[in-house]
Amino acid sequence: MTDAARDFEIRMPTGTDDPLSDAEIQQYRREIDRLDRIILDAV
C-alpha cells in the first residue's frame, strides 16, 4: 500500500444532511485520477 493510499480516508455520508464538502470532492477526484493513471500504465 502506498503512502497516498494510507493517507486517503474514505468517508460515506449518510445523505443530504451530511453532504461532502468541496474539498472532500476534490480529494476524491484526485484519488480517482491517480488510480486511473495506475490502471492505464498497467495496460
C-alpha atoms as a PDB file:
ATOM      1  CA  MET A   1       0.000   0.000   0.000  1.00  0.00           C
ATOM      2  CA  THR A   2       1.385   3.408  -0.950  1.00  0.00           C
ATOM      3  CA  ASP A   3       1.609   6.404   1.353  1.00  0.00           C
ATOM      4  CA  ALA A   4      -1.135   8.085  -0.681  1.00  0.00           C
ATOM      5  CA  ALA A   5      -3.433   5.105  -0.194  1.00  0.00           C
ATOM      6  CA  ARG A   6      -2.739   5.014   3.549  1.00  0.00           C
ATOM      7  CA  ASP A   7      -3.443   8.746   3.855  1.00  0.00           C
ATOM      8  CA  PHE A   8      -6.703   8.544   1.907  1.00  0.00           C
ATOM      9  CA  GLU A   9      -9.716   8.270   4.194  1.00  0.00           C
ATOM     10  CA  ILE A  10     -12.982   7.149   2.615  1.00  0.00           C
ATOM     11  CA  ARG A  11     -15.996   8.863   4.111  1.00  0.00           C
ATOM     12  CA  MET A  12     -19.533   7.634   3.466  1.00  0.00           C
ATOM     13  CA  PRO A  13     -22.001  10.483   4.026  1.00  0.00           C
ATOM     14  CA  THR A  14     -25.446   9.438   5.186  1.00  0.00           C
ATOM     15  CA  GLY A  15     -27.364  11.645   2.772  1.00  0.00           C
ATOM     16  CA  THR A  16     -28.271  15.270   2.246  1.00  0.00           C
ATOM     17  CA  ASP A  17     -27.906  16.051   5.948  1.00  0.00           C
ATOM     18  CA  ASP A  18     -24.187  15.170   5.705  1.00  0.00           C
ATOM     19  CA  PRO A  19     -23.018  16.240   2.234  1.00  0.00           C
ATOM     20  CA  LEU A  20     -19.410  16.035   1.094  1.00  0.00           C
ATOM     21  CA  SER A  21     -17.551  19.323   1.183  1.00  0.00           C
ATOM     22  CA  ASP A  22     -15.955  20.735  -1.955  1.00  0.00           C
ATOM     23  CA  ALA A  23     -12.536  19.885  -0.530  1.00  0.00           C
ATOM     24  CA  GLU A  24     -13.580  16.265   0.015  1.00  0.00           C
ATOM     25  CA  ILE A  25     -14.953  16.033  -3.532  1.00  0.00           C
ATOM     26  CA  GLN A  26     -11.667  17.406  -4.897  1.00  0.00           C
ATOM     27  CA  GLN A  27      -9.730  14.858  -2.822  1.00  0.00           C
ATOM     28  CA  TYR A  28     -11.843  12.006  -4.240  1.00  0.00           C
ATOM     29  CA  ARG A  29     -11.291  13.324  -7.775  1.00  0.00           C
ATOM     30  CA  ARG A  30      -7.513  13.421  -7.237  1.00  0.00           C
ATOM     31  CA  GLU A  31      -7.572   9.840  -5.943  1.00  0.00           C
ATOM     32  CA  ILE A  32      -9.671   8.699  -8.925  1.00  0.00           C
ATOM     33  CA  ASP A  33      -7.241  10.410 -11.312  1.00  0.00           C
ATOM     34  CA  ARG A  34      -4.295   8.739  -9.553  1.00  0.00           C
ATOM     35  CA  LEU A  35      -5.910   5.311  -9.823  1.00  0.00           C
ATOM     36  CA  ASP A  36      -6.779   5.947 -13.480  1.00  0.00           C
ATOM     37  CA  ARG A  37      -3.093   6.622 -14.209  1.00  0.00           C
ATOM     38  CA  ILE A  38      -2.054   3.424 -12.425  1.00  0.00           C
ATOM     39  CA  ILE A  39      -4.591   1.373 -14.392  1.00  0.00           C
ATOM     40  CA  LEU A  40      -3.631   2.925 -17.729  1.00  0.00           C
ATOM     41  CA  ASP A  41       0.077   2.420 -17.030  1.00  0.00           C
ATOM     42  CA  ALA A  42      -0.598  -1.254 -16.297  1.00  0.00           C
ATOM     43  CA  VAL A  43      -2.387  -1.751 -19.614  1.00  0.00           C
END
